[in-house]
Amino acid sequence: MLHWVYWVVVVVVAGVATFKARGAQVTYDGRSLIIDGHRKILFSGSIHYPRSTPQMWASLIAKAKEGGVDVIQTYVFWNRHEPQPGQYDFNGRYDLAKFIKEIQAQGLYACLRIGPFIESEWSYGGLPFWLHDVHGIVYRTDNEPFKIENEYQNIEAAFNEKGPSYVRWAAKMAVELQTGVPWVMCKQSDAPDPVINTCNGMRCGQTFTGPNSPNKPSMWTENWTSFYEVFGGETYLRSAEDIAFHVALFIARNGSYVNYYMFPYEFSTIIT
């Protein structure tokens, strides 16, 4: 039975266990995330560990830090970690623990998007192909075998009353894990308390209607610095001026977290 859920969890340094061991506290209010009692405006960059090699991780993270990033954000890639049911692979470029420890070693925070449905222009959205063989599974709705999600509001209405009930179930399950860190749901304006609804897009300073509660901070979990390229189509690139303007606008409108997606352009299109 596959009781997985897709969320974003903001984790201090090396993950939930280290976070708790160090006694750090991560909370939030309507102004910002609060780490150890201090408000933070956080700038983040997405670096996906399987899209490079372990030998490259330290350099990529260091360059991100030099560029002013406080946080490294990554998905977790289920289809690479469990290519067959019960067979796990956390070696080589799939060594998630090593990647998180490198983030810790360089004094940065980690934002871990635990998957397993990640989209991310990744084969099958990160889902293992063997899910096809799970009896009774229906993707992206409220049924017993399937409990996985990302940017669900894009399709929520298609499932009628099961859509909102699925969102509520997923939020309840996440919060009851008692990880000690805030949970965030991307592009989900009906994210139940205390889960934070966030914005993905290119111009969230203009398009984001804001948190669905005055007690939640305004967060931009994917600032699309470019866009995926369709075969035969034209390459789309944003200017640095456009990116900077919309980041400034978002912060001016009470934003307190911005993640650049992706951060290293050159590794965002490696074959998956």
C-alpha atoms as a PDB file:
ATOM      1  CA  MET A   1       0.000   0.000   0.000  1.00  0.00           C
ATOM      2  CA  LEU A   2       1.498   3.299  -1.081  1.00  0.00           C
ATOM      3  CA  HIS A   3       0.897   5.929   1.556  1.00  0.00           C
ATOM      4  CA  TRP A   4       3.168   8.584   0.060  1.00  0.00           C
ATOM      5  CA  VAL A   5       2.477  12.291  -0.064  1.00  0.00           C
ATOM      6  CA  TYR A   6       4.036  15.162  -1.985  1.00  0.00           C
ATOM      7  CA  TRP A   7       4.810  18.301  -0.028  1.00  0.00           C
ATOM      8  CA  VAL A   8       7.602  20.709   0.587  1.00  0.00           C
ATOM      9  CA  VAL A   9       9.244  20.675   3.994  1.00  0.00           C
ATOM     10  CA  VAL A  10      11.629  23.375   5.123  1.00  0.00           C
ATOM     11  CA  VAL A  11      14.446  21.637   6.959  1.00  0.00           C
ATOM     12  CA  VAL A  12      17.280  23.254   8.863  1.00  0.00           C
ATOM     13  CA  VAL A  13      20.717  22.062   7.716  1.00  0.00           C
ATOM     14  CA  ALA A  14      20.908  18.272   7.422  1.00  0.00           C
ATOM     15  CA  GLY A  15      17.293  17.277   7.843  1.00  0.00           C
ATOM     16  CA  VAL A  16      14.672  16.674  10.460  1.00  0.00           C
ATOM     17  CA  ALA A  17      16.810  14.490  12.725  1.00  0.00           C
ATOM     18  CA  THR A  18      19.743  16.909  12.792  1.00  0.00           C
ATOM     19  CA  PHE A  19      17.368  19.821  13.096  1.00  0.00           C
ATOM     20  CA  LYS A  20      15.886  18.384  16.268  1.00  0.00           C
ATOM     21  CA  ALA A  21      19.225  17.318  17.687  1.00  0.00           C
ATOM     22  CA  ARG A  22      20.559  20.846  17.403  1.00  0.00           C
ATOM     23  CA  GLY A  23      17.547  22.212  19.235  1.00  0.00           C
ATOM     24  CA  ALA A  24      16.672  24.614  16.443  1.00  0.00           C
ATOM     25  CA  GLN A  25      13.076  25.719  16.095  1.00  0.00           C
ATOM     26  CA  VAL A  26      11.404  26.583  12.808  1.00  0.00           C
ATOM     27  CA  THR A  27       8.064  28.343  13.018  1.00  0.00           C
ATOM     28  CA  TYR A  28       6.299  31.073  11.068  1.00  0.00           C
ATOM     29  CA  ASP A  29       3.770  33.850  11.216  1.00  0.00           C
ATOM     30  CA  GLY A  30       2.253  36.204   8.679  1.00  0.00           C
ATOM     31  CA  ARG A  31       5.574  37.985   8.175  1.00  0.00           C
ATOM     32  CA  SER A  32       8.114  35.224   7.575  1.00  0.00           C
ATOM     33  CA  LEU A  33       9.633  31.924   8.582  1.00  0.00           C
ATOM     34  CA  ILE A  34      11.229  32.151  12.023  1.00  0.00           C
ATOM     35  CA  ILE A  35      14.370  30.136  12.801  1.00  0.00           C
ATOM     36  CA  ASP A  36      15.516  30.050  16.419  1.00  0.00           C
ATOM     37  CA  GLY A  37      13.440  33.123  17.142  1.00  0.00           C
ATOM     38  CA  HIS A  38      14.874  35.168  14.263  1.00  0.00           C
ATOM     39  CA  ARG A  39      12.855  36.256  11.247  1.00  0.00           C
ATOM     40  CA  LYS A  40      14.402  35.262   7.943  1.00  0.00           C
ATOM     41  CA  ILE A  41      14.094  36.486   4.386  1.00  0.00           C
ATOM     42  CA  LEU A  42      15.477  33.459   2.584  1.00  0.00           C
ATOM     43  CA  PHE A  43      16.819  33.150  -0.938  1.00  0.00           C
ATOM     44  CA  SER A  44      16.949  29.618  -2.269  1.00  0.00           C
ATOM     45  CA  GLY A  45      18.248  27.817  -5.341  1.00  0.00           C
ATOM     46  CA  SER A  46      17.098  24.491  -6.780  1.00  0.00           C
ATOM     47  CA  ILE A  47      19.913  22.007  -7.379  1.00  0.00           C
ATOM     48  CA  HIS A  48      18.750  18.463  -8.117  1.00  0.00           C
ATOM     49  CA  TYR A  49      21.350  15.971  -6.966  1.00  0.00           C
ATOM     50  CA  PRO A  50      20.727  13.277  -9.658  1.00  0.00           C
ATOM     51  CA  ARG A  51      21.224  15.843 -12.418  1.00  0.00           C
ATOM     52  CA  SER A  52      24.907  16.121 -11.558  1.00  0.00           C
ATOM     53  CA  THR A  53      27.528  13.876  -9.956  1.00  0.00           C
ATOM     54  CA  PRO A  54      28.677  13.702  -6.324  1.00  0.00           C
ATOM     55  CA  GLN A  55      32.018  15.142  -7.409  1.00  0.00           C
ATOM     56  CA  MET A  56      30.202  18.276  -8.585  1.00  0.00           C
ATOM     57  CA  TRP A  57      27.951  18.846  -5.571  1.00  0.00           C
ATOM     58  CA  ALA A  58      30.396  20.762  -3.378  1.00  0.00           C
ATOM     59  CA  SER A  59      31.269  23.153  -6.203  1.00  0.00           C
ATOM     60  CA  LEU A  60      27.648  23.714  -7.240  1.00  0.00           C
ATOM     61  CA  ILE A  61      26.561  24.410  -3.670  1.00  0.00           C
ATOM     62  CA  ALA A  62      29.555  26.694  -3.087  1.00  0.00           C
ATOM     63  CA  LYS A  63      28.735  28.701  -6.217  1.00  0.00           C
ATOM     64  CA  ALA A  64      25.134  29.032  -5.083  1.00  0.00           C
ATOM     65  CA  LYS A  65      26.316  30.257  -1.690  1.00  0.00           C
ATOM     66  CA  GLU A  66      28.644  32.776  -3.330  1.00  0.00           C
ATOM     67  CA  GLY A  67      25.652  33.996  -5.311  1.00  0.00           C
ATOM     68  CA  GLY A  68      23.813  34.871  -2.104  1.00  0.00           C
ATOM     69  CA  VAL A  69      21.683  31.762  -1.629  1.00  0.00           C
ATOM     70  CA  ASP A  70      20.714  30.737   1.919  1.00  0.00           C
ATOM     71  CA  VAL A  71      18.845  27.546   1.020  1.00  0.00           C
ATOM     72  CA  ILE A  72      19.314  24.661  -1.423  1.00  0.00           C
ATOM     73  CA  GLN A  73      16.052  23.130  -2.588  1.00  0.00           C
ATOM     74  CA  THR A  74      15.744  19.679  -4.142  1.00  0.00           C
ATOM     75  CA  TYR A  75      13.159  17.084  -4.991  1.00  0.00           C
ATOM     76  CA  VAL A  76      13.471  13.436  -3.958  1.00  0.00           C
ATOM     77  CA  PHE A  77      13.383  11.151  -7.011  1.00  0.00           C
ATOM     78  CA  TRP A  78      11.380   8.040  -6.149  1.00  0.00           C
ATOM     79  CA  ASN A  79      11.816   6.225  -9.461  1.00  0.00           C
ATOM     80  CA  ARG A  80      15.602   6.341  -9.022  1.00  0.00           C
ATOM     81  CA  HIS A  81      15.555   5.359  -5.358  1.00  0.00           C
ATOM     82  CA  GLU A  82      13.157   2.410  -5.797  1.00  0.00           C
ATOM     83  CA  PRO A  83      13.459   1.179  -9.400  1.00  0.00           C
ATOM     84  CA  GLN A  84      11.763  -2.092  -8.410  1.00  0.00           C
ATOM     85  CA  PRO A  85       9.417  -2.661  -5.448  1.00  0.00           C
ATOM     86  CA  GLY A  86      11.509  -3.068  -2.322  1.00  0.00           C
ATOM     87  CA  GLN A  87      14.829  -2.550  -4.139  1.00  0.00           C
ATOM     88  CA  TYR A  88      16.446   0.716  -3.039  1.00  0.00           C
ATOM     89  CA  ASP A  89      19.313   2.718  -4.475  1.00  0.00           C
ATOM     90  CA  PHE A  90      20.932   5.573  -2.550  1.00  0.00           C
ATOM     91  CA  ASN A  91      24.351   5.244  -4.138  1.00  0.00           C
ATOM     92  CA  GLY A  92      26.376   7.503  -6.424  1.00  0.00           C
ATOM     93  CA  ARG A  93      24.385  10.437  -7.732  1.00  0.00           C
ATOM     94  CA  TYR A  94      21.327   9.142  -5.856  1.00  0.00           C
ATOM     95  CA  ASP A  95      23.039   9.528  -2.458  1.00  0.00           C
ATOM     96  CA  LEU A  96      20.559  11.982  -0.976  1.00  0.00           C
ATOM     97  CA  ALA A  97      22.070  11.845   2.519  1.00  0.00           C
ATOM     98  CA  LYS A  98      25.498  12.810   1.176  1.00  0.00           C
ATOM     99  CA  PHE A  99      23.990  15.711  -0.756  1.00  0.00           C
ATOM    100  CA  ILE A 100      22.143  17.032   2.312  1.00  0.00           C
ATOM    101  CA  LYS A 101      25.288  16.687   4.438  1.00  0.00           C
ATOM    102  CA  GLU A 102      27.207  18.754   1.884  1.00  0.00           C
ATOM    103  CA  ILE A 103      24.573  21.476   2.199  1.00  0.00           C
ATOM    104  CA  GLN A 104      25.029  21.317   5.967  1.00  0.00           C
ATOM    105  CA  ALA A 105      28.819  21.432   5.703  1.00  0.00           C
ATOM    106  CA  GLN A 106      28.594  24.689   3.771  1.00  0.00           C
ATOM    107  CA  GLY A 107      26.341  26.278   6.378  1.00  0.00           C
ATOM    108  CA  LEU A 108      23.169  26.454   4.301  1.00  0.00           C
ATOM    109  CA  TYR A 109      19.594  25.366   4.920  1.00  0.00           C
ATOM    110  CA  ALA A 110      17.811  22.678   2.886  1.00  0.00           C
ATOM    111  CA  CYS A 111      14.303  22.723   1.485  1.00  0.00           C
ATOM    112  CA  LEU A 112      13.417  19.098   0.823  1.00  0.00           C
ATOM    113  CA  ARG A 113      10.556  18.395  -1.568  1.00  0.00           C
ATOM    114  CA  ILE A 114       9.984  14.808  -0.620  1.00  0.00           C
ATOM    115  CA  GLY A 115       7.967  13.651  -3.602  1.00  0.00           C
ATOM    116  CA  PRO A 116       7.467  11.233  -5.026  1.00  0.00           C
ATOM    117  CA  PHE A 117       5.353  12.897  -7.763  1.00  0.00           C
ATOM    118  CA  ILE A 118       7.630  15.772  -8.717  1.00  0.00           C
ATOM    119  CA  GLU A 119       6.898  16.604 -12.381  1.00  0.00           C
ATOM    120  CA  SER A 120      10.209  18.490 -12.788  1.00  0.00           C
ATOM    121  CA  GLU A 121      10.550  17.542 -16.472  1.00  0.00           C
ATOM    122  CA  TRP A 122      11.672  14.150 -15.154  1.00  0.00           C
ATOM    123  CA  SER A 123      10.704  10.776 -16.572  1.00  0.00           C
ATOM    124  CA  TYR A 124       7.174   9.891 -15.461  1.00  0.00           C
ATOM    125  CA  GLY A 125       7.242  12.763 -12.975  1.00  0.00           C
ATOM    126  CA  GLY A 126       9.437  10.737 -10.648  1.00  0.00           C
ATOM    127  CA  LEU A 127       6.929   7.899 -10.302  1.00  0.00           C
ATOM    128  CA  PRO A 128       8.279   4.357 -10.772  1.00  0.00           C
ATOM    129  CA  PHE A 129       6.856   2.671 -13.833  1.00  0.00           C
ATOM    130  CA  TRP A 130       5.976  -0.412 -11.780  1.00  0.00           C
ATOM    131  CA  LEU A 131       3.116   1.544 -10.190  1.00  0.00           C
ATOM    132  CA  HIS A 132       1.116   0.493 -13.252  1.00  0.00           C
ATOM    133  CA  ASP A 133       0.993  -2.983 -11.739  1.00  0.00           C
ATOM    134  CA  VAL A 134      -0.497  -1.879  -8.398  1.00  0.00           C
ATOM    135  CA  HIS A 135      -4.052  -3.200  -8.262  1.00  0.00           C
ATOM    136  CA  GLY A 136      -6.766  -0.552  -8.085  1.00  0.00           C
ATOM    137  CA  ILE A 137      -4.484   2.460  -8.403  1.00  0.00           C
ATOM    138  CA  VAL A 138      -5.915   5.676  -9.863  1.00  0.00           C
ATOM    139  CA  TYR A 139      -3.395   8.479 -10.134  1.00  0.00           C
ATOM    140  CA  ARG A 140      -3.887  11.877  -8.506  1.00  0.00           C
ATOM    141  CA  THR A 141      -7.126  11.265  -6.664  1.00  0.00           C
ATOM    142  CA  ASP A 142      -8.384   9.992  -3.330  1.00  0.00           C
ATOM    143  CA  ASN A 143      -8.065   6.226  -3.555  1.00  0.00           C
ATOM    144  CA  GLU A 144      -6.403   3.817  -1.177  1.00  0.00           C
ATOM    145  CA  PRO A 145      -3.288   2.872  -3.196  1.00  0.00           C
ATOM    146  CA  PHE A 146      -2.434   6.403  -4.334  1.00  0.00           C
ATOM    147  CA  LYS A 147      -1.491   9.226  -1.953  1.00  0.00           C
ATOM    148  CA  ILE A 148       0.930  11.396  -3.923  1.00  0.00           C
ATOM    149  CA  GLU A 149       0.850  14.988  -5.096  1.00  0.00           C
ATOM    150  CA  ASN A 150       2.392  18.158  -6.544  1.00  0.00           C
ATOM    151  CA  GLU A 151       0.689  21.353  -7.774  1.00  0.00           C
ATOM    152  CA  TYR A 152      -2.601  19.548  -7.361  1.00  0.00           C
ATOM    153  CA  GLN A 153      -4.879  22.547  -7.778  1.00  0.00           C
ATOM    154  CA  ASN A 154      -4.171  22.453 -11.522  1.00  0.00           C
ATOM    155  CA  ILE A 155      -6.365  19.344 -11.759  1.00  0.00           C
ATOM    156  CA  GLU A 156      -8.312  19.344  -8.481  1.00  0.00           C
ATOM    157  CA  ALA A 157     -11.656  20.334 -10.038  1.00  0.00           C
ATOM    158  CA  ALA A 158     -11.557  17.327 -12.363  1.00  0.00           C
ATOM    159  CA  PHE A 159     -12.101  15.032  -9.369  1.00  0.00           C
ATOM    160  CA  ASN A 160     -15.167  16.915  -8.079  1.00  0.00           C
ATOM    161  CA  GLU A 161     -15.718  16.380  -4.340  1.00  0.00           C
ATOM    162  CA  LYS A 162     -12.799  13.948  -4.096  1.00  0.00           C
ATOM    163  CA  GLY A 163     -10.310  16.703  -4.916  1.00  0.00           C
ATOM    164  CA  PRO A 164     -10.773  18.850  -1.778  1.00  0.00           C
ATOM    165  CA  SER A 165     -11.124  15.773   0.432  1.00  0.00           C
ATOM    166  CA  TYR A 166      -7.820  14.493  -0.927  1.00  0.00           C
ATOM    167  CA  VAL A 167      -6.122  17.807  -0.113  1.00  0.00           C
ATOM    168  CA  ARG A 168      -7.477  17.712   3.443  1.00  0.00           C
ATOM    169  CA  TRP A 169      -6.382  14.102   3.924  1.00  0.00           C
ATOM    170  CA  ALA A 170      -2.866  14.794   2.666  1.00  0.00           C
ATOM    171  CA  ALA A 171      -2.475  17.855   4.907  1.00  0.00           C
ATOM    172  CA  LYS A 172      -3.702  15.944   7.944  1.00  0.00           C
ATOM    173  CA  MET A 173      -1.307  13.072   7.316  1.00  0.00           C
ATOM    174  CA  ALA A 174       1.662  15.422   6.873  1.00  0.00           C
ATOM    175  CA  VAL A 175       0.979  17.444  10.019  1.00  0.00           C
ATOM    176  CA  GLU A 176       0.424  14.315  12.110  1.00  0.00           C
ATOM    177  CA  LEU A 177       3.971  13.189  11.307  1.00  0.00           C
ATOM    178  CA  GLN A 178       5.073  15.870  13.804  1.00  0.00           C
ATOM    179  CA  THR A 179       8.344  16.605  12.017  1.00  0.00           C
ATOM    180  CA  GLY A 180       8.798  19.862  13.910  1.00  0.00           C
ATOM    181  CA  VAL A 181       9.142  21.949  10.741  1.00  0.00           C
ATOM    182  CA  PRO A 182       6.548  23.780   8.618  1.00  0.00           C
ATOM    183  CA  TRP A 183       4.858  22.065   5.691  1.00  0.00           C
ATOM    184  CA  VAL A 184       4.244  23.894   2.439  1.00  0.00           C
ATOM    185  CA  MET A 185       1.915  23.075  -0.456  1.00  0.00           C
ATOM    186  CA  CYS A 186       2.800  24.560  -3.850  1.00  0.00           C
ATOM    187  CA  LYS A 187       0.126  26.297  -5.915  1.00  0.00           C
ATOM    188  CA  GLN A 188      -2.665  25.169  -3.592  1.00  0.00           C
ATOM    189  CA  SER A 189      -4.806  28.074  -2.440  1.00  0.00           C
ATOM    190  CA  ASP A 190      -6.995  25.796  -0.301  1.00  0.00           C
ATOM    191  CA  ALA A 191      -4.073  24.289   1.655  1.00  0.00           C
ATOM    192  CA  PRO A 192      -5.543  23.541   5.109  1.00  0.00           C
ATOM    193  CA  ASP A 193      -4.039  25.109   8.230  1.00  0.00           C
ATOM    194  CA  PRO A 194      -1.259  24.960   9.261  1.00  0.00           C
ATOM    195  CA  VAL A 195       0.107  24.020   5.812  1.00  0.00           C
ATOM    196  CA  ILE A 196       1.381  27.078   3.925  1.00  0.00           C
ATOM    197  CA  ASN A 197       0.122  27.678   0.386  1.00  0.00           C
ATOM    198  CA  THR A 198       2.828  29.047  -1.908  1.00  0.00           C
ATOM    199  CA  CYS A 199       3.335  30.415  -5.411  1.00  0.00           C
ATOM    200  CA  ASN A 200       5.119  28.887  -8.417  1.00  0.00           C
ATOM    201  CA  GLY A 201       5.663  30.940 -11.559  1.00  0.00           C
ATOM    202  CA  MET A 202       7.635  33.768 -13.142  1.00  0.00           C
ATOM    203  CA  ARG A 203       5.922  36.818 -11.662  1.00  0.00           C
ATOM    204  CA  CYS A 204       4.545  35.910  -8.252  1.00  0.00           C
ATOM    205  CA  GLY A 205       4.843  39.521  -7.118  1.00  0.00           C
ATOM    206  CA  GLN A 206       1.968  40.205  -9.510  1.00  0.00           C
ATOM    207  CA  THR A 207       0.084  36.908  -9.715  1.00  0.00           C
ATOM    208  CA  PHE A 208       0.138  35.537  -6.161  1.00  0.00           C
ATOM    209  CA  THR A 209      -3.042  36.383  -4.295  1.00  0.00           C
ATOM    210  CA  GLY A 210      -1.226  35.739  -1.033  1.00  0.00           C
ATOM    211  CA  PRO A 211      -1.425  33.210   1.792  1.00  0.00           C
ATOM    212  CA  ASN A 212      -4.898  31.923   2.619  1.00  0.00           C
ATOM    213  CA  SER A 213      -4.447  32.986   6.240  1.00  0.00           C
ATOM    214  CA  PRO A 214      -3.002  36.169   7.783  1.00  0.00           C
ATOM    215  CA  ASN A 215      -0.890  33.902   9.994  1.00  0.00           C
ATOM    216  CA  LYS A 216       1.035  32.364   7.069  1.00  0.00           C
ATOM    217  CA  PRO A 217       4.091  33.877   5.328  1.00  0.00           C
ATOM    218  CA  SER A 218       4.236  34.675   1.625  1.00  0.00           C
ATOM    219  CA  MET A 219       6.550  32.188  -0.129  1.00  0.00           C
ATOM    220  CA  TRP A 220       7.630  31.708  -3.755  1.00  0.00           C
ATOM    221  CA  THR A 221       8.725  28.086  -4.070  1.00  0.00           C
ATOM    222  CA  GLU A 222       9.509  28.126  -7.808  1.00  0.00           C
ATOM    223  CA  ASN A 223      10.733  31.318  -9.465  1.00  0.00           C
ATOM    224  CA  TRP A 224      11.105  30.027 -13.014  1.00  0.00           C
ATOM    225  CA  THR A 225      14.374  31.521 -14.216  1.00  0.00           C
ATOM    226  CA  SER A 226      13.682  29.953 -17.600  1.00  0.00           C
ATOM    227  CA  PHE A 227      11.296  27.325 -18.932  1.00  0.00           C
ATOM    228  CA  TYR A 228      11.545  23.837 -20.345  1.00  0.00           C
ATOM    229  CA  GLU A 229      12.100  23.599 -24.071  1.00  0.00           C
ATOM    230  CA  VAL A 230       9.767  21.619 -26.320  1.00  0.00           C
ATOM    231  CA  PHE A 231      11.547  19.718 -29.078  1.00  0.00           C
ATOM    232  CA  GLY A 232      11.696  21.945 -32.122  1.00  0.00           C
ATOM    233  CA  GLY A 233      10.467  24.961 -30.193  1.00  0.00           C
ATOM    234  CA  GLU A 234      12.212  28.213 -29.414  1.00  0.00           C
ATOM    235  CA  THR A 235      14.363  28.599 -26.318  1.00  0.00           C
ATOM    236  CA  TYR A 236      12.818  30.827 -23.668  1.00  0.00           C
ATOM    237  CA  LEU A 237      15.179  32.868 -21.520  1.00  0.00           C
ATOM    238  CA  ARG A 238      14.369  35.504 -18.919  1.00  0.00           C
ATOM    239  CA  SER A 239      16.628  38.483 -18.513  1.00  0.00           C
ATOM    240  CA  ALA A 240      18.414  39.062 -15.218  1.00  0.00           C
ATOM    241  CA  GLU A 241      16.637  42.420 -15.012  1.00  0.00           C
ATOM    242  CA  ASP A 242      13.208  40.792 -15.278  1.00  0.00           C
ATOM    243  CA  ILE A 243      14.033  38.218 -12.614  1.00  0.00           C
ATOM    244  CA  ALA A 244      15.466  40.850 -10.253  1.00  0.00           C
ATOM    245  CA  PHE A 245      12.497  43.175 -10.710  1.00  0.00           C
ATOM    246  CA  HIS A 246       9.928  40.523  -9.846  1.00  0.00           C
ATOM    247  CA  VAL A 247      11.919  39.274  -6.859  1.00  0.00           C
ATOM    248  CA  ALA A 248      12.095  42.834  -5.525  1.00  0.00           C
ATOM    249  CA  LEU A 249       8.365  43.275  -6.138  1.00  0.00           C
ATOM    250  CA  PHE A 250       7.557  40.038  -4.311  1.00  0.00           C
ATOM    251  CA  ILE A 251       9.666  41.029  -1.293  1.00  0.00           C
ATOM    252  CA  ALA A 252       8.117  44.509  -1.303  1.00  0.00           C
ATOM    253  CA  ARG A 253       4.702  42.859  -1.108  1.00  0.00           C
ATOM    254  CA  ASN A 254       5.607  40.987   2.074  1.00  0.00           C
ATOM    255  CA  GLY A 255       7.360  38.019   0.464  1.00  0.00           C
ATOM    256  CA  SER A 256       9.963  36.327   2.645  1.00  0.00           C
ATOM    257  CA  TYR A 257      11.137  33.274   0.675  1.00  0.00           C
ATOM    258  CA  VAL A 258      12.170  33.049  -2.991  1.00  0.00           C
ATOM    259  CA  ASN A 259      13.533  29.920  -4.663  1.00  0.00           C
ATOM    260  CA  TYR A 260      15.234  30.183  -8.066  1.00  0.00           C
ATOM    261  CA  TYR A 261      14.127  27.235 -10.183  1.00  0.00           C
ATOM    262  CA  MET A 262      16.526  26.074 -11.500  1.00  0.00           C
ATOM    263  CA  PHE A 263      19.691  27.586 -10.098  1.00  0.00           C
ATOM    264  CA  PRO A 264      22.408  26.021 -12.311  1.00  0.00           C
ATOM    265  CA  TYR A 265      21.044  26.316 -15.859  1.00  0.00           C
ATOM    266  CA  GLU A 266      23.618  23.982 -17.332  1.00  0.00           C
ATOM    267  CA  PHE A 267      22.437  20.948 -15.364  1.00  0.00           C
ATOM    268  CA  SER A 268      18.672  21.362 -15.590  1.00  0.00           C
ATOM    269  CA  THR A 269      18.266  19.400 -18.814  1.00  0.00           C
ATOM    270  CA  ILE A 270      20.378  16.276 -18.266  1.00  0.00           C
ATOM    271  CA  ILE A 271      18.555  13.215 -19.612  1.00  0.00           C
ATOM    272  CA  THR A 272      16.596  11.498 -16.849  1.00  0.00           C
END
